[in-house]
Amino acid sequence: MRMLPRSRYKIKTKVWIWPGMAAWHMVTLPRKQSDKIKELFSDMHRGWSSLPVIVRLGRTSWKTSIFYDKKSAAYVLPLKAEVRKKEKVTGGQTISLVLEIKP
């Protein structure tokens, strides 16, 4: 029987804004967690090196994907406008979230 790898991560990171017209709010996962996720789940990537996840930020949970960014050698997570409004999240703010990989 194959053991499933650890798939839940508690993350503390800073919100940044994607440079461009859409002004997406993003977070970059810490390098240590990104390296571990890549090691355990890289064979399960979908297009654009994405992995499906469930994220909990405050009282809000949602399904989305994280994307591996070669430039920063870490995963990035886009924050939905709806979630940001509910949880009163702004660019430059440090947030804590729980991320669960759901390949």
PDB file of N, CA and C in Angstrom:
ATOM      1  N   MET A   1       0.844  -1.178   0.000  1.00  0.00           N
ATOM      2  CA  MET A   1       0.000   0.000   0.000  1.00  0.00           C
ATOM      3  C   MET A   1       0.891   1.245   0.000  1.00  0.00           C
ATOM      4  N   ARG A   2       0.644   2.166  -0.914  1.00  0.00           N
ATOM      5  CA  ARG A   2       1.441   3.380  -1.038  1.00  0.00           C
ATOM      6  C   ARG A   2       0.957   4.436  -0.039  1.00  0.00           C
ATOM      7  N   MET A   3       1.892   4.977   0.719  1.00  0.00           N
ATOM      8  CA  MET A   3       1.567   6.043   1.672  1.00  0.00           C
ATOM      9  C   MET A   3       1.434   7.358   0.926  1.00  0.00           C
ATOM     10  N   LEU A   4       0.404   8.113   1.239  1.00  0.00           N
ATOM     11  CA  LEU A   4       0.235   9.427   0.633  1.00  0.00           C
ATOM     12  C   LEU A   4       1.144  10.424   1.335  1.00  0.00           C
ATOM     13  N   PRO A   5       1.782  11.320   0.573  1.00  0.00           N
ATOM     14  CA  PRO A   5       2.662  12.306   1.195  1.00  0.00           C
ATOM     15  C   PRO A   5       1.867  13.347   1.975  1.00  0.00           C
ATOM     16  N   ARG A   6       2.546  14.005   2.903  1.00  0.00           N
ATOM     17  CA  ARG A   6       1.917  15.087   3.664  1.00  0.00           C
ATOM     18  C   ARG A   6       1.407  16.121   2.672  1.00  0.00           C
ATOM     19  N   SER A   7       0.162  16.511   2.805  1.00  0.00           N
ATOM     20  CA  SER A   7      -0.420  17.402   1.803  1.00  0.00           C
ATOM     21  C   SER A   7      -0.953  18.709   2.383  1.00  0.00           C
ATOM     22  N   ARG A   8      -0.834  18.927   3.698  1.00  0.00           N
ATOM     23  CA  ARG A   8      -1.367  20.147   4.315  1.00  0.00           C
ATOM     24  C   ARG A   8      -0.211  20.983   4.848  1.00  0.00           C
ATOM     25  N   TYR A   9      -0.252  22.283   4.516  1.00  0.00           N
ATOM     26  CA  TYR A   9       0.830  23.191   4.894  1.00  0.00           C
ATOM     27  C   TYR A   9       0.256  24.471   5.486  1.00  0.00           C
ATOM     28  N   LYS A  10       0.805  24.881   6.624  1.00  0.00           N
ATOM     29  CA  LYS A  10       0.472  26.179   7.218  1.00  0.00           C
ATOM     30  C   LYS A  10       1.503  27.164   6.707  1.00  0.00           C
ATOM     31  N   ILE A  11       1.015  28.267   6.157  1.00  0.00           N
ATOM     32  CA  ILE A  11       1.900  29.210   5.476  1.00  0.00           C
ATOM     33  C   ILE A  11       1.653  30.630   5.967  1.00  0.00           C
ATOM     34  N   LYS A  12       2.738  31.349   6.189  1.00  0.00           N
ATOM     35  CA  LYS A  12       2.674  32.769   6.519  1.00  0.00           C
ATOM     36  C   LYS A  12       3.485  33.483   5.444  1.00  0.00           C
ATOM     37  N   THR A  13       2.859  34.425   4.742  1.00  0.00           N
ATOM     38  CA  THR A  13       3.517  35.060   3.607  1.00  0.00           C
ATOM     39  C   THR A  13       2.908  36.438   3.342  1.00  0.00           C
ATOM     40  N   LYS A  14       3.569  37.194   2.513  1.00  0.00           N
ATOM     41  CA  LYS A  14       3.151  38.567   2.216  1.00  0.00           C
ATOM     42  C   LYS A  14       2.429  38.642   0.866  1.00  0.00           C
ATOM     43  N   VAL A  15       1.333  39.390   0.825  1.00  0.00           N
ATOM     44  CA  VAL A  15       0.555  39.581  -0.402  1.00  0.00           C
ATOM     45  C   VAL A  15       1.274  40.596  -1.297  1.00  0.00           C
ATOM     46  N   TRP A  16       1.398  40.246  -2.582  1.00  0.00           N
ATOM     47  CA  TRP A  16       1.976  41.176  -3.552  1.00  0.00           C
ATOM     48  C   TRP A  16       1.062  41.259  -4.759  1.00  0.00           C
ATOM     49  N   ILE A  17       1.231  42.304  -5.525  1.00  0.00           N
ATOM     50  CA  ILE A  17       0.355  42.546  -6.678  1.00  0.00           C
ATOM     51  C   ILE A  17       1.127  42.280  -7.965  1.00  0.00           C
ATOM     52  N   TRP A  18       0.540  41.421  -8.811  1.00  0.00           N
ATOM     53  CA  TRP A  18       1.136  41.069 -10.104  1.00  0.00           C
ATOM     54  C   TRP A  18       1.237  42.334 -10.947  1.00  0.00           C
ATOM     55  N   PRO A  19       2.414  42.610 -11.506  1.00  0.00           N
ATOM     56  CA  PRO A  19       2.547  43.823 -12.323  1.00  0.00           C
ATOM     57  C   PRO A  19       1.835  43.642 -13.668  1.00  0.00           C
ATOM     58  N   GLY A  20       0.802  44.377 -13.871  1.00  0.00           N
ATOM     59  CA  GLY A  20       0.039  44.274 -15.106  1.00  0.00           C
ATOM     60  C   GLY A  20      -1.331  44.888 -14.934  1.00  0.00           C
ATOM     61  N   MET A  21      -2.105  44.844 -15.992  1.00  0.00           N
ATOM     62  CA  MET A  21      -3.405  45.513 -15.998  1.00  0.00           C
ATOM     63  C   MET A  21      -4.410  44.863 -15.059  1.00  0.00           C
ATOM     64  N   ALA A  22      -4.337  43.552 -14.865  1.00  0.00           N
ATOM     65  CA  ALA A  22      -5.352  42.864 -14.066  1.00  0.00           C
ATOM     66  C   ALA A  22      -5.182  43.080 -12.563  1.00  0.00           C
ATOM     67  N   ALA A  23      -3.988  43.449 -12.121  1.00  0.00           N
ATOM     68  CA  ALA A  23      -3.698  43.695 -10.698  1.00  0.00           C
ATOM     69  C   ALA A  23      -4.081  42.518  -9.812  1.00  0.00           C
ATOM     70  N   TRP A  24      -3.697  41.312 -10.230  1.00  0.00           N
ATOM     71  CA  TRP A  24      -3.935  40.121  -9.417  1.00  0.00           C
ATOM     72  C   TRP A  24      -3.163  40.235  -8.116  1.00  0.00           C
ATOM     73  N   HIS A  25      -3.781  39.848  -7.023  1.00  0.00           N
ATOM     74  CA  HIS A  25      -3.110  39.766  -5.729  1.00  0.00           C
ATOM     75  C   HIS A  25      -2.620  38.323  -5.573  1.00  0.00           C
ATOM     76  N   MET A  26      -1.359  38.177  -5.203  1.00  0.00           N
ATOM     77  CA  MET A  26      -0.724  36.861  -5.149  1.00  0.00           C
ATOM     78  C   MET A  26       0.043  36.723  -3.843  1.00  0.00           C
ATOM     79  N   VAL A  27       0.365  35.486  -3.506  1.00  0.00           N
ATOM     80  CA  VAL A  27       1.327  35.207  -2.448  1.00  0.00           C
ATOM     81  C   VAL A  27       2.313  34.185  -2.995  1.00  0.00           C
ATOM     82  N   THR A  28       3.545  34.260  -2.524  1.00  0.00           N
ATOM     83  CA  THR A  28       4.564  33.283  -2.872  1.00  0.00           C
ATOM     84  C   THR A  28       4.766  32.383  -1.669  1.00  0.00           C
ATOM     85  N   LEU A  29       4.676  31.088  -1.899  1.00  0.00           N
ATOM     86  CA  LEU A  29       4.898  30.141  -0.813  1.00  0.00           C
ATOM     87  C   LEU A  29       6.374  30.164  -0.422  1.00  0.00           C
ATOM     88  N   PRO A  30       6.669  30.032   0.854  1.00  0.00           N
ATOM     89  CA  PRO A  30       8.068  29.998   1.284  1.00  0.00           C
ATOM     90  C   PRO A  30       8.839  28.906   0.543  1.00  0.00           C
ATOM     91  N   ARG A  31      10.106  29.150   0.324  1.00  0.00           N
ATOM     92  CA  ARG A  31      10.967  28.252  -0.440  1.00  0.00           C
ATOM     93  C   ARG A  31      10.990  26.835   0.151  1.00  0.00           C
ATOM     94  N   LYS A  32      11.072  26.738   1.479  1.00  0.00           N
ATOM     95  CA  LYS A  32      11.137  25.426   2.124  1.00  0.00           C
ATOM     96  C   LYS A  32       9.896  24.588   1.784  1.00  0.00           C
ATOM     97  N   GLN A  33       8.720  25.193   1.916  1.00  0.00           N
ATOM     98  CA  GLN A  33       7.491  24.468   1.608  1.00  0.00           C
ATOM     99  C   GLN A  33       7.371  24.203   0.108  1.00  0.00           C
ATOM    100  N   SER A  34       7.763  25.167  -0.708  1.00  0.00           N
ATOM    101  CA  SER A  34       7.724  24.974  -2.166  1.00  0.00           C
ATOM    102  C   SER A  34       8.607  23.811  -2.585  1.00  0.00           C
ATOM    103  N   ASP A  35       9.817  23.741  -2.019  1.00  0.00           N
ATOM    104  CA  ASP A  35      10.727  22.643  -2.358  1.00  0.00           C
ATOM    105  C   ASP A  35      10.116  21.298  -1.984  1.00  0.00           C
ATOM    106  N   LYS A  36       9.495  21.228  -0.802  1.00  0.00           N
ATOM    107  CA  LYS A  36       8.888  19.975  -0.340  1.00  0.00           C
ATOM    108  C   LYS A  36       7.708  19.582  -1.233  1.00  0.00           C
ATOM    109  N   ILE A  37       6.863  20.557  -1.565  1.00  0.00           N
ATOM    110  CA  ILE A  37       5.710  20.283  -2.434  1.00  0.00           C
ATOM    111  C   ILE A  37       6.183  19.802  -3.799  1.00  0.00           C
ATOM    112  N   LYS A  38       7.203  20.464  -4.347  1.00  0.00           N
ATOM    113  CA  LYS A  38       7.716  20.061  -5.655  1.00  0.00           C
ATOM    114  C   LYS A  38       8.284  18.641  -5.601  1.00  0.00           C
ATOM    115  N   GLU A  39       9.005  18.340  -4.545  1.00  0.00           N
ATOM    116  CA  GLU A  39       9.588  17.004  -4.369  1.00  0.00           C
ATOM    117  C   GLU A  39       8.500  15.925  -4.305  1.00  0.00           C
ATOM    118  N   LEU A  40       7.448  16.194  -3.555  1.00  0.00           N
ATOM    119  CA  LEU A  40       6.405  15.192  -3.327  1.00  0.00           C
ATOM    120  C   LEU A  40       5.362  15.092  -4.435  1.00  0.00           C
ATOM    121  N   PHE A  41       5.083  16.218  -5.109  1.00  0.00           N
ATOM    122  CA  PHE A  41       3.928  16.250  -6.015  1.00  0.00           C
ATOM    123  C   PHE A  41       4.247  16.616  -7.465  1.00  0.00           C
ATOM    124  N   SER A  42       5.512  16.802  -7.827  1.00  0.00           N
ATOM    125  CA  SER A  42       5.832  17.283  -9.174  1.00  0.00           C
ATOM    126  C   SER A  42       5.334  16.349 -10.274  1.00  0.00           C
ATOM    127  N   ASP A  43       5.222  15.055  -9.985  1.00  0.00           N
ATOM    128  CA  ASP A  43       4.725  14.128 -10.999  1.00  0.00           C
ATOM    129  C   ASP A  43       3.205  14.243 -11.190  1.00  0.00           C
ATOM    130  N   MET A  44       2.553  15.085 -10.407  1.00  0.00           N
ATOM    131  CA  MET A  44       1.099  15.262 -10.498  1.00  0.00           C
ATOM    132  C   MET A  44       0.714  16.622 -11.079  1.00  0.00           C
ATOM    133  N   HIS A  45       1.717  17.396 -11.547  1.00  0.00           N
ATOM    134  CA  HIS A  45       1.433  18.720 -12.118  1.00  0.00           C
ATOM    135  C   HIS A  45       0.488  18.633 -13.308  1.00  0.00           C
ATOM    136  N   ARG A  46      -0.272  19.701 -13.468  1.00  0.00           N
ATOM    137  CA  ARG A  46      -1.116  19.870 -14.650  1.00  0.00           C
ATOM    138  C   ARG A  46      -0.469  20.960 -15.495  1.00  0.00           C
ATOM    139  N   GLY A  47      -1.211  21.558 -16.426  1.00  0.00           N
ATOM    140  CA  GLY A  47      -0.684  22.622 -17.275  1.00  0.00           C
ATOM    141  C   GLY A  47      -0.116  23.783 -16.476  1.00  0.00           C
ATOM    142  N   TRP A  48       0.894  24.444 -17.014  1.00  0.00           N
ATOM    143  CA  TRP A  48       1.586  25.578 -16.373  1.00  0.00           C
ATOM    144  C   TRP A  48       2.168  25.184 -15.017  1.00  0.00           C
ATOM    145  N   SER A  49       2.523  23.925 -14.861  1.00  0.00           N
ATOM    146  CA  SER A  49       3.082  23.411 -13.596  1.00  0.00           C
ATOM    147  C   SER A  49       2.172  23.699 -12.411  1.00  0.00           C
ATOM    148  N   SER A  50       0.878  23.546 -12.631  1.00  0.00           N
ATOM    149  CA  SER A  50      -0.090  23.834 -11.563  1.00  0.00           C
ATOM    150  C   SER A  50      -0.456  22.576 -10.780  1.00  0.00           C
ATOM    151  N   LEU A  51      -0.827  22.808  -9.541  1.00  0.00           N
ATOM    152  CA  LEU A  51      -1.332  21.748  -8.673  1.00  0.00           C
ATOM    153  C   LEU A  51      -2.646  22.217  -8.056  1.00  0.00           C
ATOM    154  N   PRO A  52      -3.677  21.383  -8.079  1.00  0.00           N
ATOM    155  CA  PRO A  52      -4.943  21.755  -7.445  1.00  0.00           C
ATOM    156  C   PRO A  52      -4.801  21.773  -5.924  1.00  0.00           C
ATOM    157  N   VAL A  53      -5.418  22.771  -5.298  1.00  0.00           N
ATOM    158  CA  VAL A  53      -5.336  22.928  -3.845  1.00  0.00           C
ATOM    159  C   VAL A  53      -6.672  23.396  -3.280  1.00  0.00           C
ATOM    160  N   ILE A  54      -6.828  23.203  -1.985  1.00  0.00           N
ATOM    161  CA  ILE A  54      -7.901  23.836  -1.219  1.00  0.00           C
ATOM    162  C   ILE A  54      -7.187  24.756  -0.237  1.00  0.00           C
ATOM    163  N   VAL A  55      -7.631  25.998  -0.178  1.00  0.00           N
ATOM    164  CA  VAL A  55      -6.990  27.000   0.679  1.00  0.00           C
ATOM    165  C   VAL A  55      -7.989  27.487   1.715  1.00  0.00           C
ATOM    166  N   ARG A  56      -7.507  27.667   2.942  1.00  0.00           N
ATOM    167  CA  ARG A  56      -8.326  28.303   3.975  1.00  0.00           C
ATOM    168  C   ARG A  56      -7.584  29.539   4.455  1.00  0.00           C
ATOM    169  N   LEU A  57      -8.260  30.675   4.328  1.00  0.00           N
ATOM    170  CA  LEU A  57      -7.742  31.963   4.779  1.00  0.00           C
ATOM    171  C   LEU A  57      -8.805  32.558   5.694  1.00  0.00           C
ATOM    172  N   GLY A  58      -8.487  32.673   6.953  1.00  0.00           N
ATOM    173  CA  GLY A  58      -9.490  33.139   7.907  1.00  0.00           C
ATOM    174  C   GLY A  58     -10.634  32.151   7.963  1.00  0.00           C
ATOM    175  N   ARG A  59     -11.854  32.641   7.701  1.00  0.00           N
ATOM    176  CA  ARG A  59     -13.045  31.773   7.732  1.00  0.00           C
ATOM    177  C   ARG A  59     -13.468  31.318   6.335  1.00  0.00           C
ATOM    178  N   THR A  60     -12.643  31.634   5.327  1.00  0.00           N
ATOM    179  CA  THR A  60     -12.994  31.358   3.939  1.00  0.00           C
ATOM    180  C   THR A  60     -12.129  30.238   3.363  1.00  0.00           C
ATOM    181  N   SER A  61     -12.779  29.269   2.706  1.00  0.00           N
ATOM    182  CA  SER A  61     -12.077  28.189   2.007  1.00  0.00           C
ATOM    183  C   SER A  61     -12.492  28.198   0.551  1.00  0.00           C
ATOM    184  N   TRP A  62     -11.565  27.834  -0.329  1.00  0.00           N
ATOM    185  CA  TRP A  62     -11.891  27.760  -1.750  1.00  0.00           C
ATOM    186  C   TRP A  62     -10.927  26.823  -2.460  1.00  0.00           C
ATOM    187  N   LYS A  63     -11.380  26.321  -3.627  1.00  0.00           N
ATOM    188  CA  LYS A  63     -10.560  25.472  -4.483  1.00  0.00           C
ATOM    189  C   LYS A  63      -9.898  26.359  -5.529  1.00  0.00           C
ATOM    190  N   THR A  64      -8.611  26.104  -5.759  1.00  0.00           N
ATOM    191  CA  THR A  64      -7.868  26.857  -6.756  1.00  0.00           C
ATOM    192  C   THR A  64      -6.640  26.046  -7.133  1.00  0.00           C
ATOM    193  N   SER A  65      -5.633  26.682  -7.673  1.00  0.00           N
ATOM    194  CA  SER A  65      -4.378  26.014  -8.014  1.00  0.00           C
ATOM    195  C   SER A  65      -3.211  26.877  -7.596  1.00  0.00           C
ATOM    196  N   ILE A  66      -2.081  26.225  -7.331  1.00  0.00           N
ATOM    197  CA  ILE A  66      -0.823  26.937  -7.158  1.00  0.00           C
ATOM    198  C   ILE A  66      -0.005  26.685  -8.414  1.00  0.00           C
ATOM    199  N   PHE A  67       0.886  27.606  -8.725  1.00  0.00           N
ATOM    200  CA  PHE A  67       1.670  27.540  -9.951  1.00  0.00           C
ATOM    201  C   PHE A  67       3.150  27.680  -9.607  1.00  0.00           C
ATOM    202  N   TYR A  68       3.974  26.825 -10.211  1.00  0.00           N
ATOM    203  CA  TYR A  68       5.408  26.900  -9.937  1.00  0.00           C
ATOM    204  C   TYR A  68       6.018  28.003 -10.792  1.00  0.00           C
ATOM    205  N   ASP A  69       6.722  28.911 -10.124  1.00  0.00           N
ATOM    206  CA  ASP A  69       7.388  30.021 -10.797  1.00  0.00           C
ATOM    207  C   ASP A  69       8.886  29.737 -10.814  1.00  0.00           C
ATOM    208  N   LYS A  70       9.425  29.449 -11.992  1.00  0.00           N
ATOM    209  CA  LYS A  70      10.842  29.101 -12.114  1.00  0.00           C
ATOM    210  C   LYS A  70      11.746  30.250 -11.673  1.00  0.00           C
ATOM    211  N   LYS A  71      11.314  31.469 -11.932  1.00  0.00           N
ATOM    212  CA  LYS A  71      12.139  32.642 -11.594  1.00  0.00           C
ATOM    213  C   LYS A  71      12.405  32.722 -10.083  1.00  0.00           C
ATOM    214  N   SER A  72      11.377  32.503  -9.280  1.00  0.00           N
ATOM    215  CA  SER A  72      11.544  32.570  -7.824  1.00  0.00           C
ATOM    216  C   SER A  72      11.804  31.185  -7.214  1.00  0.00           C
ATOM    217  N   ALA A  73      11.709  30.145  -8.033  1.00  0.00           N
ATOM    218  CA  ALA A  73      11.868  28.756  -7.585  1.00  0.00           C
ATOM    219  C   ALA A  73      10.928  28.454  -6.425  1.00  0.00           C
ATOM    220  N   ALA A  74       9.688  28.935  -6.560  1.00  0.00           N
ATOM    221  CA  ALA A  74       8.675  28.725  -5.519  1.00  0.00           C
ATOM    222  C   ALA A  74       7.294  28.715  -6.183  1.00  0.00           C
ATOM    223  N   TYR A  75       6.319  28.202  -5.452  1.00  0.00           N
ATOM    224  CA  TYR A  75       4.940  28.223  -5.936  1.00  0.00           C
ATOM    225  C   TYR A  75       4.296  29.556  -5.589  1.00  0.00           C
ATOM    226  N   VAL A  76       3.401  29.998  -6.467  1.00  0.00           N
ATOM    227  CA  VAL A  76       2.614  31.200  -6.203  1.00  0.00           C
ATOM    228  C   VAL A  76       1.139  30.827  -6.190  1.00  0.00           C
ATOM    229  N   LEU A  77       0.393  31.575  -5.405  1.00  0.00           N
ATOM    230  CA  LEU A  77      -1.038  31.344  -5.234  1.00  0.00           C
ATOM    231  C   LEU A  77      -1.779  32.645  -5.505  1.00  0.00           C
ATOM    232  N   PRO A  78      -2.669  32.660  -6.502  1.00  0.00           N
ATOM    233  CA  PRO A  78      -3.501  33.848  -6.719  1.00  0.00           C
ATOM    234  C   PRO A  78      -4.617  33.901  -5.676  1.00  0.00           C
ATOM    235  N   LEU A  79      -4.915  35.100  -5.194  1.00  0.00           N
ATOM    236  CA  LEU A  79      -5.995  35.292  -4.222  1.00  0.00           C
ATOM    237  C   LEU A  79      -7.198  35.891  -4.925  1.00  0.00           C
ATOM    238  N   LYS A  80      -8.310  35.194  -4.892  1.00  0.00           N
ATOM    239  CA  LYS A  80      -9.540  35.673  -5.538  1.00  0.00           C
ATOM    240  C   LYS A  80     -10.009  36.980  -4.907  1.00  0.00           C
ATOM    241  N   ALA A  81     -10.528  37.871  -5.737  1.00  0.00           N
ATOM    242  CA  ALA A  81     -11.049  39.156  -5.244  1.00  0.00           C
ATOM    243  C   ALA A  81     -12.133  38.931  -4.195  1.00  0.00           C
ATOM    244  N   GLU A  82     -13.001  37.969  -4.430  1.00  0.00           N
ATOM    245  CA  GLU A  82     -14.088  37.660  -3.493  1.00  0.00           C
ATOM    246  C   GLU A  82     -13.544  37.292  -2.106  1.00  0.00           C
ATOM    247  N   VAL A  83     -12.494  36.493  -2.084  1.00  0.00           N
ATOM    248  CA  VAL A  83     -11.866  36.079  -0.819  1.00  0.00           C
ATOM    249  C   VAL A  83     -11.191  37.276  -0.158  1.00  0.00           C
ATOM    250  N   ARG A  84     -10.455  38.055  -0.944  1.00  0.00           N
ATOM    251  CA  ARG A  84      -9.772  39.236  -0.390  1.00  0.00           C
ATOM    252  C   ARG A  84     -10.756  40.188   0.263  1.00  0.00           C
ATOM    253  N   LYS A  85     -11.904  40.386  -0.374  1.00  0.00           N
ATOM    254  CA  LYS A  85     -12.919  41.300   0.185  1.00  0.00           C
ATOM    255  C   LYS A  85     -13.497  40.735   1.482  1.00  0.00           C
ATOM    256  N   LYS A  86     -13.846  39.445   1.477  1.00  0.00           N
ATOM    257  CA  LYS A  86     -14.411  38.817   2.682  1.00  0.00           C
ATOM    258  C   LYS A  86     -13.451  38.888   3.862  1.00  0.00           C
ATOM    259  N   GLU A  87     -12.161  38.664   3.591  1.00  0.00           N
ATOM    260  CA  GLU A  87     -11.158  38.568   4.651  1.00  0.00           C
ATOM    261  C   GLU A  87     -10.376  39.878   4.849  1.00  0.00           C
ATOM    262  N   LYS A  88     -10.777  40.928   4.097  1.00  0.00           N
ATOM    263  CA  LYS A  88     -10.156  42.254   4.212  1.00  0.00           C
ATOM    264  C   LYS A  88      -8.634  42.195   4.032  1.00  0.00           C
ATOM    265  N   VAL A  89      -8.210  41.569   2.938  1.00  0.00           N
ATOM    266  CA  VAL A  89      -6.794  41.402   2.615  1.00  0.00           C
ATOM    267  C   VAL A  89      -6.390  42.433   1.567  1.00  0.00           C
ATOM    268  N   THR A  90      -5.241  43.065   1.781  1.00  0.00           N
ATOM    269  CA  THR A  90      -4.733  44.069   0.841  1.00  0.00           C
ATOM    270  C   THR A  90      -3.277  43.758   0.482  1.00  0.00           C
ATOM    271  N   GLY A  91      -2.817  44.375  -0.592  1.00  0.00           N
ATOM    272  CA  GLY A  91      -1.430  44.213  -1.013  1.00  0.00           C
ATOM    273  C   GLY A  91      -0.478  44.688   0.075  1.00  0.00           C
ATOM    274  N   GLY A  92       0.617  43.961   0.263  1.00  0.00           N
ATOM    275  CA  GLY A  92       1.604  44.305   1.268  1.00  0.00           C
ATOM    276  C   GLY A  92       1.334  43.710   2.639  1.00  0.00           C
ATOM    277  N   GLN A  93       0.146  43.176   2.831  1.00  0.00           N
ATOM    278  CA  GLN A  93      -0.237  42.594   4.124  1.00  0.00           C
ATOM    279  C   GLN A  93       0.359  41.192   4.269  1.00  0.00           C
ATOM    280  N   THR A  94       0.782  40.829   5.467  1.00  0.00           N
ATOM    281  CA  THR A  94       1.236  39.471   5.751  1.00  0.00           C
ATOM    282  C   THR A  94       0.030  38.676   6.243  1.00  0.00           C
ATOM    283  N   ILE A  95      -0.177  37.512   5.619  1.00  0.00           N
ATOM    284  CA  ILE A  95      -1.333  36.677   5.960  1.00  0.00           C
ATOM    285  C   ILE A  95      -0.877  35.269   6.319  1.00  0.00           C
ATOM    286  N   SER A  96      -1.738  34.561   7.046  1.00  0.00           N
ATOM    287  CA  SER A  96      -1.528  33.148   7.346  1.00  0.00           C
ATOM    288  C   SER A  96      -2.650  32.359   6.698  1.00  0.00           C
ATOM    289  N   LEU A  97      -2.307  31.243   6.089  1.00  0.00           N
ATOM    290  CA  LEU A  97      -3.301  30.416   5.423  1.00  0.00           C
ATOM    291  C   LEU A  97      -2.918  28.952   5.570  1.00  0.00           C
ATOM    292  N   VAL A  98      -3.885  28.092   5.303  1.00  0.00           N
ATOM    293  CA  VAL A  98      -3.647  26.655   5.269  1.00  0.00           C
ATOM    294  C   VAL A  98      -3.919  26.207   3.850  1.00  0.00           C
ATOM    295  N   LEU A  99      -2.960  25.484   3.292  1.00  0.00           N
ATOM    296  CA  LEU A  99      -3.049  25.034   1.906  1.00  0.00           C
ATOM    297  C   LEU A  99      -2.975  23.515   1.909  1.00  0.00           C
ATOM    298  N   GLU A 100      -3.925  22.878   1.203  1.00  0.00           N
ATOM    299  CA  GLU A 100      -3.919  21.423   1.103  1.00  0.00           C
ATOM    300  C   GLU A 100      -3.854  21.024  -0.358  1.00  0.00           C
ATOM    301  N   ILE A 101      -2.829  20.263  -0.706  1.00  0.00           N
ATOM    302  CA  ILE A 101      -2.662  19.775  -2.087  1.00  0.00           C
ATOM    303  C   ILE A 101      -3.708  18.698  -2.331  1.00  0.00           C
ATOM    304  N   LYS A 102      -4.427  18.821  -3.465  1.00  0.00           N
ATOM    305  CA  LYS A 102      -5.480  17.859  -3.809  1.00  0.00           C
ATOM    306  C   LYS A 102      -5.277  17.330  -5.226  1.00  0.00           C
ATOM    307  N   PRO A 103      -4.206  16.528  -5.446  1.00  0.00           N
ATOM    308  CA  PRO A 103      -3.931  16.041  -6.810  1.00  0.00           C
ATOM    309  C   PRO A 103      -4.948  15.010  -7.269  1.00  0.00           C
TER     310      PRO A 103
END
